[in-house]
Amino acid sequence: MANAVARHEQSALTEILSIARAALRAAVNAPTDDASLDAAGDALVAIARVVETEARHD
């Protein structure tokens, strides 16, 4: 079953992890502390949207 389609929960988790990785990368490379916090805040908003969408599908 290597070609089995991932469950929706798995794809949501993958998306959340991707958002978190990108945010950490952006925060580390940000020129200022404020820019780092902005990157983290933007990621939290994006993750909240994913979770909200997931909750609506249940």
N, C-alpha and C. Protein backbone atom coordinates (compact mmCIF):
# COMPACT_ATOMS: atom_id res chain seq x y z
N MET A 1 0.82 -1.20 0.00
CA MET A 1 0.00 0.00 0.00
C MET A 1 0.86 1.26 0.00
N ALA A 2 1.94 1.25 -0.68
CA ALA A 2 2.83 2.41 -0.72
C ALA A 2 2.16 3.62 -1.36
N ASN A 3 1.18 3.40 -2.20
CA ASN A 3 0.52 4.50 -2.89
C ASN A 3 -0.77 4.93 -2.20
N ALA A 4 -1.01 4.47 -0.99
CA ALA A 4 -2.24 4.83 -0.29
C ALA A 4 -2.29 6.33 -0.05
N VAL A 5 -3.46 6.89 -0.16
CA VAL A 5 -3.65 8.32 0.06
C VAL A 5 -3.58 8.60 1.56
N ALA A 6 -2.89 9.67 1.93
CA ALA A 6 -2.79 10.04 3.33
C ALA A 6 -4.13 10.52 3.85
N ARG A 7 -4.39 10.21 5.10
CA ARG A 7 -5.61 10.71 5.72
C ARG A 7 -5.51 12.22 5.84
N HIS A 8 -6.66 12.88 5.92
CA HIS A 8 -6.68 14.34 6.00
C HIS A 8 -5.88 14.85 7.20
N GLU A 9 -5.98 14.15 8.33
CA GLU A 9 -5.26 14.57 9.53
C GLU A 9 -3.76 14.57 9.29
N GLN A 10 -3.29 13.59 8.54
CA GLN A 10 -1.86 13.50 8.24
C GLN A 10 -1.43 14.66 7.36
N SER A 11 -2.25 15.03 6.39
CA SER A 11 -1.87 16.14 5.52
C SER A 11 -1.90 17.46 6.29
N ALA A 12 -2.83 17.60 7.23
CA ALA A 12 -2.88 18.81 8.05
C ALA A 12 -1.63 18.90 8.93
N LEU A 13 -1.24 17.78 9.51
CA LEU A 13 -0.03 17.77 10.33
C LEU A 13 1.19 18.11 9.49
N THR A 14 1.27 17.56 8.31
CA THR A 14 2.38 17.86 7.40
C THR A 14 2.42 19.35 7.09
N GLU A 15 1.26 19.93 6.85
CA GLU A 15 1.19 21.37 6.56
C GLU A 15 1.63 22.20 7.77
N ILE A 16 1.19 21.82 8.95
CA ILE A 16 1.57 22.53 10.17
C ILE A 16 3.08 22.45 10.38
N LEU A 17 3.65 21.28 10.20
CA LEU A 17 5.10 21.13 10.36
C LEU A 17 5.86 21.96 9.33
N SER A 18 5.35 22.02 8.13
CA SER A 18 5.98 22.82 7.08
C SER A 18 5.95 24.31 7.45
N ILE A 19 4.81 24.76 7.95
CA ILE A 19 4.68 26.17 8.37
C ILE A 19 5.66 26.46 9.50
N ALA A 20 5.74 25.55 10.47
CA ALA A 20 6.64 25.75 11.61
C ALA A 20 8.10 25.79 11.18
N ARG A 21 8.49 24.87 10.28
CA ARG A 21 9.87 24.87 9.79
C ARG A 21 10.22 26.17 9.08
N ALA A 22 9.32 26.61 8.22
CA ALA A 22 9.56 27.85 7.47
C ALA A 22 9.64 29.04 8.43
N ALA A 23 8.80 29.05 9.44
CA ALA A 23 8.82 30.15 10.41
C ALA A 23 10.12 30.18 11.20
N LEU A 24 10.57 29.01 11.62
CA LEU A 24 11.84 28.96 12.34
C LEU A 24 12.99 29.45 11.48
N ARG A 25 12.98 29.03 10.22
CA ARG A 25 14.01 29.48 9.28
C ARG A 25 13.96 31.00 9.13
N ALA A 26 12.74 31.53 8.95
CA ALA A 26 12.58 32.97 8.77
C ALA A 26 12.98 33.73 10.03
N ALA A 27 12.62 33.21 11.19
CA ALA A 27 12.96 33.88 12.44
C ALA A 27 14.46 33.92 12.68
N VAL A 28 15.13 32.83 12.38
CA VAL A 28 16.59 32.78 12.57
C VAL A 28 17.29 33.75 11.62
N ASN A 29 16.78 33.86 10.41
CA ASN A 29 17.43 34.71 9.41
C ASN A 29 16.92 36.15 9.40
N ALA A 30 15.98 36.47 10.27
CA ALA A 30 15.42 37.82 10.30
C ALA A 30 16.48 38.82 10.78
N PRO A 31 16.42 40.02 10.23
CA PRO A 31 17.44 41.01 10.58
C PRO A 31 17.27 41.62 11.98
N THR A 32 16.07 41.55 12.53
CA THR A 32 15.82 42.14 13.85
C THR A 32 14.96 41.20 14.70
N ASP A 33 14.95 41.49 15.99
CA ASP A 33 14.09 40.72 16.89
C ASP A 33 12.62 40.89 16.52
N ASP A 34 12.26 42.12 16.16
CA ASP A 34 10.86 42.38 15.77
C ASP A 34 10.47 41.56 14.55
N ALA A 35 11.36 41.46 13.59
CA ALA A 35 11.08 40.67 12.38
C ALA A 35 10.96 39.18 12.73
N SER A 36 11.77 38.73 13.68
CA SER A 36 11.66 37.34 14.13
C SER A 36 10.31 37.08 14.77
N LEU A 37 9.87 38.00 15.61
CA LEU A 37 8.56 37.86 16.25
C LEU A 37 7.43 37.92 15.23
N ASP A 38 7.58 38.77 14.22
CA ASP A 38 6.58 38.83 13.15
C ASP A 38 6.48 37.50 12.42
N ALA A 39 7.61 36.88 12.14
CA ALA A 39 7.61 35.58 11.45
C ALA A 39 6.92 34.53 12.31
N ALA A 40 7.22 34.54 13.60
CA ALA A 40 6.58 33.58 14.50
C ALA A 40 5.08 33.83 14.60
N GLY A 41 4.69 35.09 14.70
CA GLY A 41 3.27 35.43 14.78
C GLY A 41 2.52 35.05 13.53
N ASP A 42 3.11 35.32 12.38
CA ASP A 42 2.48 34.94 11.11
C ASP A 42 2.29 33.43 11.03
N ALA A 43 3.28 32.69 11.52
CA ALA A 43 3.17 31.23 11.50
C ALA A 43 2.05 30.75 12.42
N LEU A 44 1.93 31.36 13.57
CA LEU A 44 0.86 30.96 14.49
C LEU A 44 -0.51 31.22 13.89
N VAL A 45 -0.66 32.33 13.19
CA VAL A 45 -1.93 32.62 12.52
C VAL A 45 -2.20 31.57 11.44
N ALA A 46 -1.18 31.25 10.66
CA ALA A 46 -1.35 30.25 9.60
C ALA A 46 -1.70 28.88 10.17
N ILE A 47 -1.05 28.51 11.26
CA ILE A 47 -1.35 27.22 11.90
C ILE A 47 -2.76 27.22 12.46
N ALA A 48 -3.17 28.33 13.05
CA ALA A 48 -4.54 28.42 13.57
C ALA A 48 -5.56 28.23 12.45
N ARG A 49 -5.28 28.76 11.28
CA ARG A 49 -6.19 28.58 10.14
C ARG A 49 -6.29 27.11 9.74
N VAL A 50 -5.15 26.43 9.73
CA VAL A 50 -5.15 25.01 9.39
C VAL A 50 -5.98 24.23 10.41
N VAL A 51 -5.77 24.51 11.68
CA VAL A 51 -6.50 23.81 12.75
C VAL A 51 -7.98 24.12 12.67
N GLU A 52 -8.32 25.37 12.41
CA GLU A 52 -9.72 25.76 12.29
C GLU A 52 -10.39 25.02 11.13
N THR A 53 -9.70 24.95 10.01
CA THR A 53 -10.23 24.23 8.85
C THR A 53 -10.40 22.75 9.17
N GLU A 54 -9.43 22.19 9.88
CA GLU A 54 -9.51 20.78 10.27
C GLU A 54 -10.71 20.54 11.19
N ALA A 55 -10.94 21.45 12.11
CA ALA A 55 -12.06 21.30 13.05
C ALA A 55 -13.40 21.36 12.33
N ARG A 56 -13.48 22.14 11.29
CA ARG A 56 -14.73 22.25 10.52
C ARG A 56 -15.03 20.98 9.75
N HIS A 57 -14.00 20.22 9.41
CA HIS A 57 -14.19 18.98 8.64
C HIS A 57 -14.59 17.81 9.52
N ASP A 58 -14.42 17.94 10.82
CA ASP A 58 -14.76 16.82 11.72
C ASP A 58 -16.22 16.76 12.03
